[in-house]
Amino acid sequence: MPEKETSRRAQKAKTPSTQAGEYVREEIEHVREGKHGARSAKQAIAIGLSKARRAGVKLPPPPGKKAPKAAGRKPNPTRSRASLRALKREGTAAASHEALSRQAHGSARRRGSANLKRAARKAARTRRAG
């Protein structure tokens, strides 16, 4: 269940990707705080995106899957408990600055050099002067 503050910040955001980013940010914080762990940065991001989808953010379905039909059923409590216990056994290194940086770098590489340059220019524009 996302926190109220996250939902409020996501509502203020204009684009779906920015809204989803708020949920991902919350998830990274949870891993850093030790609420639960994650095996990799990619897993932590995936959990955040999943929360965003459940909260109603208009995001494309996960790769290789069709968009789910509106399921109005309750989640299986046994399965839910089991997945949370499994996450609690994982470490918190997945949300480290280094792990997230590595994930972002690899992701950018896969998107191609033109996209990488555009992102770098945007980062340079938005970077604080100091």
C-alpha atoms as a PDB file:
ATOM      1  CA  MET A   1       0.000   0.000   0.000  1.00  0.00           C
ATOM      2  CA  PRO A   2       1.570   3.307  -1.050  1.00  0.00           C
ATOM      3  CA  GLU A   3       1.908   6.042   1.536  1.00  0.00           C
ATOM      4  CA  LYS A   4      -0.505   9.001   1.383  1.00  0.00           C
ATOM      5  CA  GLU A   5       2.353  11.418   0.795  1.00  0.00           C
ATOM      6  CA  THR A   6       3.500   9.453  -2.270  1.00  0.00           C
ATOM      7  CA  SER A   7      -0.002   9.344  -3.705  1.00  0.00           C
ATOM      8  CA  ARG A   8      -0.374  13.075  -3.160  1.00  0.00           C
ATOM      9  CA  ARG A   9       2.938  13.852  -4.865  1.00  0.00           C
ATOM     10  CA  ALA A  10       2.044  11.540  -7.761  1.00  0.00           C
ATOM     11  CA  GLN A  11      -1.298  13.325  -8.233  1.00  0.00           C
ATOM     12  CA  LYS A  12       0.533  16.656  -8.566  1.00  0.00           C
ATOM     13  CA  ALA A  13       2.837  15.271 -11.269  1.00  0.00           C
ATOM     14  CA  LYS A  14       1.686  15.839 -14.843  1.00  0.00           C
ATOM     15  CA  THR A  15       3.021  12.886 -16.841  1.00  0.00           C
ATOM     16  CA  PRO A  16       2.491   9.201 -16.045  1.00  0.00           C
ATOM     17  CA  SER A  17       6.246   8.568 -15.990  1.00  0.00           C
ATOM     18  CA  THR A  18       6.744  11.292 -13.359  1.00  0.00           C
ATOM     19  CA  GLN A  19       3.845   9.871 -11.339  1.00  0.00           C
ATOM     20  CA  ALA A  20       5.383   6.399 -11.546  1.00  0.00           C
ATOM     21  CA  GLY A  21       8.728   7.857 -10.509  1.00  0.00           C
ATOM     22  CA  GLU A  22       7.231   8.874  -7.176  1.00  0.00           C
ATOM     23  CA  TYR A  23       6.229   5.275  -6.445  1.00  0.00           C
ATOM     24  CA  VAL A  24       9.673   4.021  -7.488  1.00  0.00           C
ATOM     25  CA  ARG A  25      11.269   6.662  -5.232  1.00  0.00           C
ATOM     26  CA  GLU A  26       9.130   5.464  -2.314  1.00  0.00           C
ATOM     27  CA  GLU A  27      10.165   1.870  -2.952  1.00  0.00           C
ATOM     28  CA  ILE A  28      13.871   2.782  -3.041  1.00  0.00           C
ATOM     29  CA  GLU A  29      13.390   4.568   0.300  1.00  0.00           C
ATOM     30  CA  HIS A  30      11.712   1.469   1.772  1.00  0.00           C
ATOM     31  CA  VAL A  31      14.667  -0.684   0.762  1.00  0.00           C
ATOM     32  CA  ARG A  32      17.143   1.871   2.150  1.00  0.00           C
ATOM     33  CA  GLU A  33      15.224   2.108   5.439  1.00  0.00           C
ATOM     34  CA  GLY A  34      15.306  -1.670   5.742  1.00  0.00           C
ATOM     35  CA  LYS A  35      11.531  -2.201   5.597  1.00  0.00           C
ATOM     36  CA  HIS A  36      12.435  -4.956   3.165  1.00  0.00           C
ATOM     37  CA  GLY A  37      15.250  -5.706   0.736  1.00  0.00           C
ATOM     38  CA  ALA A  38      15.585  -6.330  -2.974  1.00  0.00           C
ATOM     39  CA  ARG A  39      17.830  -8.584  -4.988  1.00  0.00           C
ATOM     40  CA  SER A  40      18.733  -5.871  -7.478  1.00  0.00           C
ATOM     41  CA  ALA A  41      18.007  -2.263  -8.359  1.00  0.00           C
ATOM     42  CA  LYS A  42      15.886  -3.564 -11.230  1.00  0.00           C
ATOM     43  CA  GLN A  43      13.690  -5.501  -8.784  1.00  0.00           C
ATOM     44  CA  ALA A  44      13.211  -2.449  -6.550  1.00  0.00           C
ATOM     45  CA  ILE A  45      12.190  -0.391  -9.600  1.00  0.00           C
ATOM     46  CA  ALA A  46       9.825  -3.138 -10.767  1.00  0.00           C
ATOM     47  CA  ILE A  47       8.100  -3.216  -7.364  1.00  0.00           C
ATOM     48  CA  GLY A  48       7.643   0.565  -7.512  1.00  0.00           C
ATOM     49  CA  LEU A  49       6.197   0.400 -11.037  1.00  0.00           C
ATOM     50  CA  SER A  50       3.856  -2.380  -9.963  1.00  0.00           C
ATOM     51  CA  LYS A  51       2.598  -0.203  -7.084  1.00  0.00           C
ATOM     52  CA  ALA A  52       2.090   2.668  -9.515  1.00  0.00           C
ATOM     53  CA  ARG A  53       0.043   0.469 -11.869  1.00  0.00           C
ATOM     54  CA  ARG A  54      -2.107  -0.720  -8.971  1.00  0.00           C
ATOM     55  CA  ALA A  55      -2.621   2.894  -7.909  1.00  0.00           C
ATOM     56  CA  GLY A  56      -4.028   3.674 -11.353  1.00  0.00           C
ATOM     57  CA  VAL A  57      -1.090   5.348 -13.111  1.00  0.00           C
ATOM     58  CA  LYS A  58      -1.460   4.945 -16.881  1.00  0.00           C
ATOM     59  CA  LEU A  59       1.668   2.907 -17.614  1.00  0.00           C
ATOM     60  CA  PRO A  60       2.291   0.310 -20.316  1.00  0.00           C
ATOM     61  CA  PRO A  61       2.129  -3.292 -19.076  1.00  0.00           C
ATOM     62  CA  PRO A  62       5.372  -5.057 -18.087  1.00  0.00           C
ATOM     63  CA  PRO A  63       7.367  -6.314 -21.108  1.00  0.00           C
ATOM     64  CA  GLY A  64       6.122  -9.649 -22.396  1.00  0.00           C
ATOM     65  CA  LYS A  65       2.762  -9.384 -20.642  1.00  0.00           C
ATOM     66  CA  LYS A  66      -0.649  -8.183 -21.699  1.00  0.00           C
ATOM     67  CA  ALA A  67      -2.404  -5.406 -19.799  1.00  0.00           C
ATOM     68  CA  PRO A  68      -4.407  -7.054 -17.009  1.00  0.00           C
ATOM     69  CA  LYS A  69      -8.156  -6.707 -17.002  1.00  0.00           C
ATOM     70  CA  ALA A  70      -9.522  -4.822 -14.021  1.00  0.00           C
ATOM     71  CA  ALA A  71      -9.247  -7.535 -11.372  1.00  0.00           C
ATOM     72  CA  GLY A  72     -11.609  -6.745  -8.522  1.00  0.00           C
ATOM     73  CA  ARG A  73     -10.472  -9.605  -6.359  1.00  0.00           C
ATOM     74  CA  LYS A  74      -8.498  -9.576  -3.128  1.00  0.00           C
ATOM     75  CA  PRO A  75      -4.887 -10.756  -3.245  1.00  0.00           C
ATOM     76  CA  ASN A  76      -4.133 -14.158  -1.775  1.00  0.00           C
ATOM     77  CA  PRO A  77      -2.925 -13.441   1.799  1.00  0.00           C
ATOM     78  CA  THR A  78      -0.664 -16.526   1.934  1.00  0.00           C
ATOM     79  CA  ARG A  79       1.113 -15.577  -1.276  1.00  0.00           C
ATOM     80  CA  SER A  80       1.322 -11.941  -0.200  1.00  0.00           C
ATOM     81  CA  ARG A  81       2.892 -12.897   3.132  1.00  0.00           C
ATOM     82  CA  ALA A  82       5.325 -15.277   1.460  1.00  0.00           C
ATOM     83  CA  SER A  83       6.565 -12.673  -1.022  1.00  0.00           C
ATOM     84  CA  LEU A  84       7.030 -10.087   1.733  1.00  0.00           C
ATOM     85  CA  ARG A  85       8.980 -12.569   3.877  1.00  0.00           C
ATOM     86  CA  ALA A  86      11.183 -13.391   0.896  1.00  0.00           C
ATOM     87  CA  LEU A  87      11.860  -9.691   0.331  1.00  0.00           C
ATOM     88  CA  LYS A  88      12.686  -9.195   4.005  1.00  0.00           C
ATOM     89  CA  ARG A  89      15.445 -11.785   3.681  1.00  0.00           C
ATOM     90  CA  GLU A  90      17.106  -9.799   0.871  1.00  0.00           C
ATOM     91  CA  GLY A  91      19.741  -7.130   1.433  1.00  0.00           C
ATOM     92  CA  THR A  92      19.520  -3.367   1.042  1.00  0.00           C
ATOM     93  CA  ALA A  93      22.514  -2.929  -1.296  1.00  0.00           C
ATOM     94  CA  ALA A  94      20.121  -2.895  -4.289  1.00  0.00           C
ATOM     95  CA  ALA A  95      19.060   0.655  -3.362  1.00  0.00           C
ATOM     96  CA  SER A  96      22.586   1.976  -2.928  1.00  0.00           C
ATOM     97  CA  HIS A  97      23.693   4.980  -4.951  1.00  0.00           C
ATOM     98  CA  GLU A  98      26.162   2.767  -6.827  1.00  0.00           C
ATOM     99  CA  ALA A  99      23.600   0.080  -7.711  1.00  0.00           C
ATOM    100  CA  LEU A 100      21.072   2.636  -8.972  1.00  0.00           C
ATOM    101  CA  SER A 101      23.779   4.412 -10.938  1.00  0.00           C
ATOM    102  CA  ARG A 102      24.838   1.120 -12.547  1.00  0.00           C
ATOM    103  CA  GLN A 103      21.202   0.350 -13.411  1.00  0.00           C
ATOM    104  CA  ALA A 104      20.647   3.787 -14.961  1.00  0.00           C
ATOM    105  CA  HIS A 105      23.876   3.603 -16.934  1.00  0.00           C
ATOM    106  CA  GLY A 106      23.034   0.167 -18.371  1.00  0.00           C
ATOM    107  CA  SER A 107      19.494   1.267 -19.169  1.00  0.00           C
ATOM    108  CA  ALA A 108      20.760   4.364 -20.973  1.00  0.00           C
ATOM    109  CA  ARG A 109      23.257   2.280 -22.971  1.00  0.00           C
ATOM    110  CA  ARG A 110      20.447   0.023 -24.190  1.00  0.00           C
ATOM    111  CA  ARG A 111      18.447   3.060 -25.335  1.00  0.00           C
ATOM    112  CA  GLY A 112      21.239   4.185 -27.675  1.00  0.00           C
ATOM    113  CA  SER A 113      23.732   7.032 -27.952  1.00  0.00           C
ATOM    114  CA  ALA A 114      21.348   9.709 -29.311  1.00  0.00           C
ATOM    115  CA  ASN A 115      19.002   9.198 -26.376  1.00  0.00           C
ATOM    116  CA  LEU A 116      21.980   9.177 -24.001  1.00  0.00           C
ATOM    117  CA  LYS A 117      23.220  12.531 -25.358  1.00  0.00           C
ATOM    118  CA  ARG A 118      19.752  14.067 -25.069  1.00  0.00           C
ATOM    119  CA  ALA A 119      19.465  12.921 -21.453  1.00  0.00           C
ATOM    120  CA  ALA A 120      22.950  14.263 -20.660  1.00  0.00           C
ATOM    121  CA  ARG A 121      22.087  17.666 -22.150  1.00  0.00           C
ATOM    122  CA  LYS A 122      18.883  17.800 -20.147  1.00  0.00           C
ATOM    123  CA  ALA A 123      20.758  16.827 -16.979  1.00  0.00           C
ATOM    124  CA  ALA A 124      23.302  19.566 -17.628  1.00  0.00           C
ATOM    125  CA  ARG A 125      20.517  22.124 -18.070  1.00  0.00           C
ATOM    126  CA  THR A 126      18.717  21.120 -14.892  1.00  0.00           C
ATOM    127  CA  ARG A 127      21.858  20.713 -12.770  1.00  0.00           C
ATOM    128  CA  ARG A 128      22.240  23.332 -10.067  1.00  0.00           C
ATOM    129  CA  ALA A 129      24.954  25.913 -10.658  1.00  0.00           C
ATOM    130  CA  GLY A 130      27.471  25.528  -7.906  1.00  0.00           C
END
